[in-house]
Amino acid sequence: MAKILVKQVRSQINCPLTQKKTLVALGLKRLGQVVEHDSNPAILGMVNKVKHLVSVEETK
């Protein structure tokens, strides 16, 4: 299964609470933090919700 690297590139200040909770659910607590996740529909849906706050890279 493919993996993705998710990096928080913008601050969560002044974002709706649902987007802040989505970042926490992805494991992102600080600006610049990088986490690795499996590429599945649940994770991709969360990434899509906060796509303006994160950058995504595919890994093998």
PDB file of N, CA and C in Angstrom:
ATOM      1  N   MET A   1       0.851  -1.190   0.000  1.00  0.00           N
ATOM      2  CA  MET A   1       0.000   0.000   0.000  1.00  0.00           C
ATOM      3  C   MET A   1       0.889   1.243   0.000  1.00  0.00           C
ATOM      4  N   ALA A   2       0.490   2.235  -0.719  1.00  0.00           N
ATOM      5  CA  ALA A   2       1.248   3.481  -0.813  1.00  0.00           C
ATOM      6  C   ALA A   2       1.150   4.263   0.494  1.00  0.00           C
ATOM      7  N   LYS A   3       2.182   4.997   0.775  1.00  0.00           N
ATOM      8  CA  LYS A   3       2.217   5.855   1.953  1.00  0.00           C
ATOM      9  C   LYS A   3       2.270   7.304   1.490  1.00  0.00           C
ATOM     10  N   ILE A   4       1.793   8.204   2.336  1.00  0.00           N
ATOM     11  CA  ILE A   4       1.896   9.627   2.040  1.00  0.00           C
ATOM     12  C   ILE A   4       2.540  10.342   3.216  1.00  0.00           C
ATOM     13  N   LEU A   5       3.308  11.375   2.916  1.00  0.00           N
ATOM     14  CA  LEU A   5       3.871  12.255   3.932  1.00  0.00           C
ATOM     15  C   LEU A   5       3.042  13.528   3.942  1.00  0.00           C
ATOM     16  N   VAL A   6       2.546  13.891   5.116  1.00  0.00           N
ATOM     17  CA  VAL A   6       1.725  15.085   5.257  1.00  0.00           C
ATOM     18  C   VAL A   6       2.494  16.070   6.133  1.00  0.00           C
ATOM     19  N   LYS A   7       2.689  17.284   5.628  1.00  0.00           N
ATOM     20  CA  LYS A   7       3.427  18.313   6.355  1.00  0.00           C
ATOM     21  C   LYS A   7       2.546  19.539   6.520  1.00  0.00           C
ATOM     22  N   GLN A   8       2.483  20.052   7.750  1.00  0.00           N
ATOM     23  CA  GLN A   8       1.711  21.271   7.987  1.00  0.00           C
ATOM     24  C   GLN A   8       2.560  22.465   7.575  1.00  0.00           C
ATOM     25  N   VAL A   9       2.047  23.259   6.628  1.00  0.00           N
ATOM     26  CA  VAL A   9       2.814  24.378   6.085  1.00  0.00           C
ATOM     27  C   VAL A   9       2.200  25.733   6.421  1.00  0.00           C
ATOM     28  N   ARG A  10       0.954  25.746   6.913  1.00  0.00           N
ATOM     29  CA  ARG A  10       0.312  26.999   7.313  1.00  0.00           C
ATOM     30  C   ARG A  10      -0.265  26.843   8.707  1.00  0.00           C
ATOM     31  N   SER A  11      -0.359  27.956   9.420  1.00  0.00           N
ATOM     32  CA  SER A  11      -0.844  27.953  10.792  1.00  0.00           C
ATOM     33  C   SER A  11      -2.335  27.645  10.863  1.00  0.00           C
ATOM     34  N   GLN A  12      -2.734  27.036  11.968  1.00  0.00           N
ATOM     35  CA  GLN A  12      -4.148  26.743  12.187  1.00  0.00           C
ATOM     36  C   GLN A  12      -4.870  27.869  12.919  1.00  0.00           C
ATOM     37  N   ILE A  13      -4.168  28.952  13.205  1.00  0.00           N
ATOM     38  CA  ILE A  13      -4.793  30.098  13.856  1.00  0.00           C
ATOM     39  C   ILE A  13      -5.886  30.655  12.939  1.00  0.00           C
ATOM     40  N   ASN A  14      -7.020  30.963  13.507  1.00  0.00           N
ATOM     41  CA  ASN A  14      -8.171  31.534  12.801  1.00  0.00           C
ATOM     42  C   ASN A  14      -8.833  30.552  11.828  1.00  0.00           C
ATOM     43  N   CYS A  15      -8.613  29.257  12.017  1.00  0.00           N
ATOM     44  CA  CYS A  15      -9.304  28.231  11.229  1.00  0.00           C
ATOM     45  C   CYS A  15     -10.502  27.738  12.023  1.00  0.00           C
ATOM     46  N   PRO A  16     -11.516  27.231  11.346  1.00  0.00           N
ATOM     47  CA  PRO A  16     -12.656  26.649  12.056  1.00  0.00           C
ATOM     48  C   PRO A  16     -12.221  25.475  12.944  1.00  0.00           C
ATOM     49  N   LEU A  17     -12.959  25.246  13.998  1.00  0.00           N
ATOM     50  CA  LEU A  17     -12.636  24.191  14.962  1.00  0.00           C
ATOM     51  C   LEU A  17     -12.574  22.821  14.285  1.00  0.00           C
ATOM     52  N   THR A  18     -13.432  22.571  13.311  1.00  0.00           N
ATOM     53  CA  THR A  18     -13.420  21.266  12.640  1.00  0.00           C
ATOM     54  C   THR A  18     -12.096  21.023  11.913  1.00  0.00           C
ATOM     55  N   GLN A  19     -11.513  22.078  11.340  1.00  0.00           N
ATOM     56  CA  GLN A  19     -10.229  21.927  10.657  1.00  0.00           C
ATOM     57  C   GLN A  19      -9.104  21.712  11.665  1.00  0.00           C
ATOM     58  N   LYS A  20      -9.173  22.382  12.815  1.00  0.00           N
ATOM     59  CA  LYS A  20      -8.168  22.164  13.858  1.00  0.00           C
ATOM     60  C   LYS A  20      -8.213  20.725  14.353  1.00  0.00           C
ATOM     61  N   LYS A  21      -9.415  20.199  14.547  1.00  0.00           N
ATOM     62  CA  LYS A  21      -9.558  18.815  15.006  1.00  0.00           C
ATOM     63  C   LYS A  21      -9.082  17.833  13.940  1.00  0.00           C
ATOM     64  N   THR A  22      -9.263  18.173  12.683  1.00  0.00           N
ATOM     65  CA  THR A  22      -8.780  17.315  11.604  1.00  0.00           C
ATOM     66  C   THR A  22      -7.259  17.260  11.606  1.00  0.00           C
ATOM     67  N   LEU A  23      -6.598  18.392  11.829  1.00  0.00           N
ATOM     68  CA  LEU A  23      -5.133  18.403  11.911  1.00  0.00           C
ATOM     69  C   LEU A  23      -4.652  17.533  13.064  1.00  0.00           C
ATOM     70  N   VAL A  24      -5.318  17.632  14.210  1.00  0.00           N
ATOM     71  CA  VAL A  24      -4.939  16.811  15.364  1.00  0.00           C
ATOM     72  C   VAL A  24      -5.157  15.327  15.044  1.00  0.00           C
ATOM     73  N   ALA A  25      -6.249  15.007  14.367  1.00  0.00           N
ATOM     74  CA  ALA A  25      -6.529  13.618  13.997  1.00  0.00           C
ATOM     75  C   ALA A  25      -5.474  13.076  13.035  1.00  0.00           C
ATOM     76  N   LEU A  26      -4.908  13.942  12.215  1.00  0.00           N
ATOM     77  CA  LEU A  26      -3.826  13.537  11.319  1.00  0.00           C
ATOM     78  C   LEU A  26      -2.489  13.428  12.058  1.00  0.00           C
ATOM     79  N   GLY A  27      -2.426  13.912  13.294  1.00  0.00           N
ATOM     80  CA  GLY A  27      -1.192  13.854  14.069  1.00  0.00           C
ATOM     81  C   GLY A  27      -0.338  15.096  13.938  1.00  0.00           C
ATOM     82  N   LEU A  28      -0.907  16.175  13.419  1.00  0.00           N
ATOM     83  CA  LEU A  28      -0.165  17.427  13.222  1.00  0.00           C
ATOM     84  C   LEU A  28      -0.493  18.392  14.351  1.00  0.00           C
ATOM     85  N   LYS A  29       0.529  18.746  15.125  1.00  0.00           N
ATOM     86  CA  LYS A  29       0.323  19.657  16.247  1.00  0.00           C
ATOM     87  C   LYS A  29       1.093  20.965  16.083  1.00  0.00           C
ATOM     88  N   ARG A  30       2.151  20.944  15.252  1.00  0.00           N
ATOM     89  CA  ARG A  30       2.976  22.130  15.084  1.00  0.00           C
ATOM     90  C   ARG A  30       3.219  22.423  13.609  1.00  0.00           C
ATOM     91  N   LEU A  31       3.490  23.666  13.339  1.00  0.00           N
ATOM     92  CA  LEU A  31       3.851  24.093  12.000  1.00  0.00           C
ATOM     93  C   LEU A  31       5.172  23.441  11.597  1.00  0.00           C
ATOM     94  N   GLY A  32       5.228  22.878  10.415  1.00  0.00           N
ATOM     95  CA  GLY A  32       6.446  22.232   9.938  1.00  0.00           C
ATOM     96  C   GLY A  32       6.557  20.762  10.299  1.00  0.00           C
ATOM     97  N   GLN A  33       5.639  20.252  11.088  1.00  0.00           N
ATOM     98  CA  GLN A  33       5.674  18.850  11.491  1.00  0.00           C
ATOM     99  C   GLN A  33       5.281  17.953  10.318  1.00  0.00           C
ATOM    100  N   VAL A  34       5.940  16.808  10.201  1.00  0.00           N
ATOM    101  CA  VAL A  34       5.680  15.855   9.124  1.00  0.00           C
ATOM    102  C   VAL A  34       5.257  14.525   9.737  1.00  0.00           C
ATOM    103  N   VAL A  35       4.182  13.940   9.200  1.00  0.00           N
ATOM    104  CA  VAL A  35       3.729  12.617   9.633  1.00  0.00           C
ATOM    105  C   VAL A  35       3.525  11.742   8.407  1.00  0.00           C
ATOM    106  N   GLU A  36       3.648  10.420   8.613  1.00  0.00           N
ATOM    107  CA  GLU A  36       3.465   9.455   7.531  1.00  0.00           C
ATOM    108  C   GLU A  36       2.192   8.655   7.794  1.00  0.00           C
ATOM    109  N   HIS A  37       1.385   8.504   6.759  1.00  0.00           N
ATOM    110  CA  HIS A  37       0.131   7.755   6.864  1.00  0.00           C
ATOM    111  C   HIS A  37      -0.012   6.833   5.659  1.00  0.00           C
ATOM    112  N   ASP A  38      -0.811   5.770   5.830  1.00  0.00           N
ATOM    113  CA  ASP A  38      -1.212   4.951   4.688  1.00  0.00           C
ATOM    114  C   ASP A  38      -2.145   5.781   3.817  1.00  0.00           C
ATOM    115  N   SER A  39      -2.097   5.524   2.533  1.00  0.00           N
ATOM    116  CA  SER A  39      -2.972   6.237   1.610  1.00  0.00           C
ATOM    117  C   SER A  39      -4.284   5.470   1.487  1.00  0.00           C
ATOM    118  N   ASN A  40      -5.262   5.822   2.318  1.00  0.00           N
ATOM    119  CA  ASN A  40      -6.579   5.195   2.247  1.00  0.00           C
ATOM    120  C   ASN A  40      -7.642   6.290   2.185  1.00  0.00           C
ATOM    121  N   PRO A  41      -8.869   5.959   1.834  1.00  0.00           N
ATOM    122  CA  PRO A  41      -9.902   6.986   1.642  1.00  0.00           C
ATOM    123  C   PRO A  41     -10.149   7.863   2.868  1.00  0.00           C
ATOM    124  N   ALA A  42     -10.053   7.311   4.068  1.00  0.00           N
ATOM    125  CA  ALA A  42     -10.292   8.101   5.278  1.00  0.00           C
ATOM    126  C   ALA A  42      -9.229   9.188   5.442  1.00  0.00           C
ATOM    127  N   ILE A  43      -7.976   8.814   5.283  1.00  0.00           N
ATOM    128  CA  ILE A  43      -6.879   9.779   5.425  1.00  0.00           C
ATOM    129  C   ILE A  43      -6.924  10.803   4.296  1.00  0.00           C
ATOM    130  N   LEU A  44      -7.175  10.354   3.079  1.00  0.00           N
ATOM    131  CA  LEU A  44      -7.230  11.281   1.952  1.00  0.00           C
ATOM    132  C   LEU A  44      -8.379  12.278   2.099  1.00  0.00           C
ATOM    133  N   GLY A  45      -9.486  11.848   2.689  1.00  0.00           N
ATOM    134  CA  GLY A  45     -10.604  12.754   2.952  1.00  0.00           C
ATOM    135  C   GLY A  45     -10.232  13.818   3.965  1.00  0.00           C
ATOM    136  N   MET A  46      -9.492  13.416   5.013  1.00  0.00           N
ATOM    137  CA  MET A  46      -9.047  14.396   6.017  1.00  0.00           C
ATOM    138  C   MET A  46      -8.061  15.382   5.402  1.00  0.00           C
ATOM    139  N   VAL A  47      -7.154  14.872   4.580  1.00  0.00           N
ATOM    140  CA  VAL A  47      -6.178  15.752   3.915  1.00  0.00           C
ATOM    141  C   VAL A  47      -6.901  16.735   3.008  1.00  0.00           C
ATOM    142  N   ASN A  48      -7.924  16.276   2.315  1.00  0.00           N
ATOM    143  CA  ASN A  48      -8.685  17.152   1.423  1.00  0.00           C
ATOM    144  C   ASN A  48      -9.369  18.276   2.192  1.00  0.00           C
ATOM    145  N   LYS A  49      -9.793  17.998   3.421  1.00  0.00           N
ATOM    146  CA  LYS A  49     -10.479  19.006   4.228  1.00  0.00           C
ATOM    147  C   LYS A  49      -9.537  20.146   4.628  1.00  0.00           C
ATOM    148  N   VAL A  50      -8.254  19.843   4.805  1.00  0.00           N
ATOM    149  CA  VAL A  50      -7.286  20.866   5.237  1.00  0.00           C
ATOM    150  C   VAL A  50      -6.191  21.061   4.181  1.00  0.00           C
ATOM    151  N   LYS A  51      -6.547  20.878   2.918  1.00  0.00           N
ATOM    152  CA  LYS A  51      -5.547  20.940   1.842  1.00  0.00           C
ATOM    153  C   LYS A  51      -4.847  22.285   1.734  1.00  0.00           C
ATOM    154  N   HIS A  52      -5.479  23.351   2.227  1.00  0.00           N
ATOM    155  CA  HIS A  52      -4.858  24.669   2.163  1.00  0.00           C
ATOM    156  C   HIS A  52      -3.863  24.883   3.311  1.00  0.00           C
ATOM    157  N   LEU A  53      -3.796  23.953   4.257  1.00  0.00           N
ATOM    158  CA  LEU A  53      -2.890  24.055   5.399  1.00  0.00           C
ATOM    159  C   LEU A  53      -1.725  23.081   5.345  1.00  0.00           C
ATOM    160  N   VAL A  54      -1.791  22.090   4.453  1.00  0.00           N
ATOM    161  CA  VAL A  54      -0.784  21.030   4.422  1.00  0.00           C
ATOM    162  C   VAL A  54      -0.229  20.836   3.015  1.00  0.00           C
ATOM    163  N   SER A  55       0.925  20.174   2.963  1.00  0.00           N
ATOM    164  CA  SER A  55       1.464  19.702   1.683  1.00  0.00           C
ATOM    165  C   SER A  55       1.561  18.182   1.782  1.00  0.00           C
ATOM    166  N   VAL A  56       1.417  17.514   0.643  1.00  0.00           N
ATOM    167  CA  VAL A  56       1.369  16.055   0.628  1.00  0.00           C
ATOM    168  C   VAL A  56       2.364  15.524  -0.400  1.00  0.00           C
ATOM    169  N   GLU A  57       3.113  14.488  -0.021  1.00  0.00           N
ATOM    170  CA  GLU A  57       4.023  13.795  -0.926  1.00  0.00           C
ATOM    171  C   GLU A  57       3.762  12.308  -0.845  1.00  0.00           C
ATOM    172  N   GLU A  58       3.838  11.633  -1.972  1.00  0.00           N
ATOM    173  CA  GLU A  58       3.700  10.174  -1.968  1.00  0.00           C
ATOM    174  C   GLU A  58       5.073   9.551  -1.778  1.00  0.00           C
ATOM    175  N   THR A  59       5.116   8.464  -0.992  1.00  0.00           N
ATOM    176  CA  THR A  59       6.340   7.680  -0.832  1.00  0.00           C
ATOM    177  C   THR A  59       6.022   6.252  -1.217  1.00  0.00           C
ATOM    178  N   LYS A  60       7.033   5.440  -1.348  1.00  0.00           N
ATOM    179  CA  LYS A  60       6.812   4.035  -1.730  1.00  0.00           C
ATOM    180  C   LYS A  60       6.852   3.146  -0.530  1.00  0.00           C
TER     181      LYS A  60
END
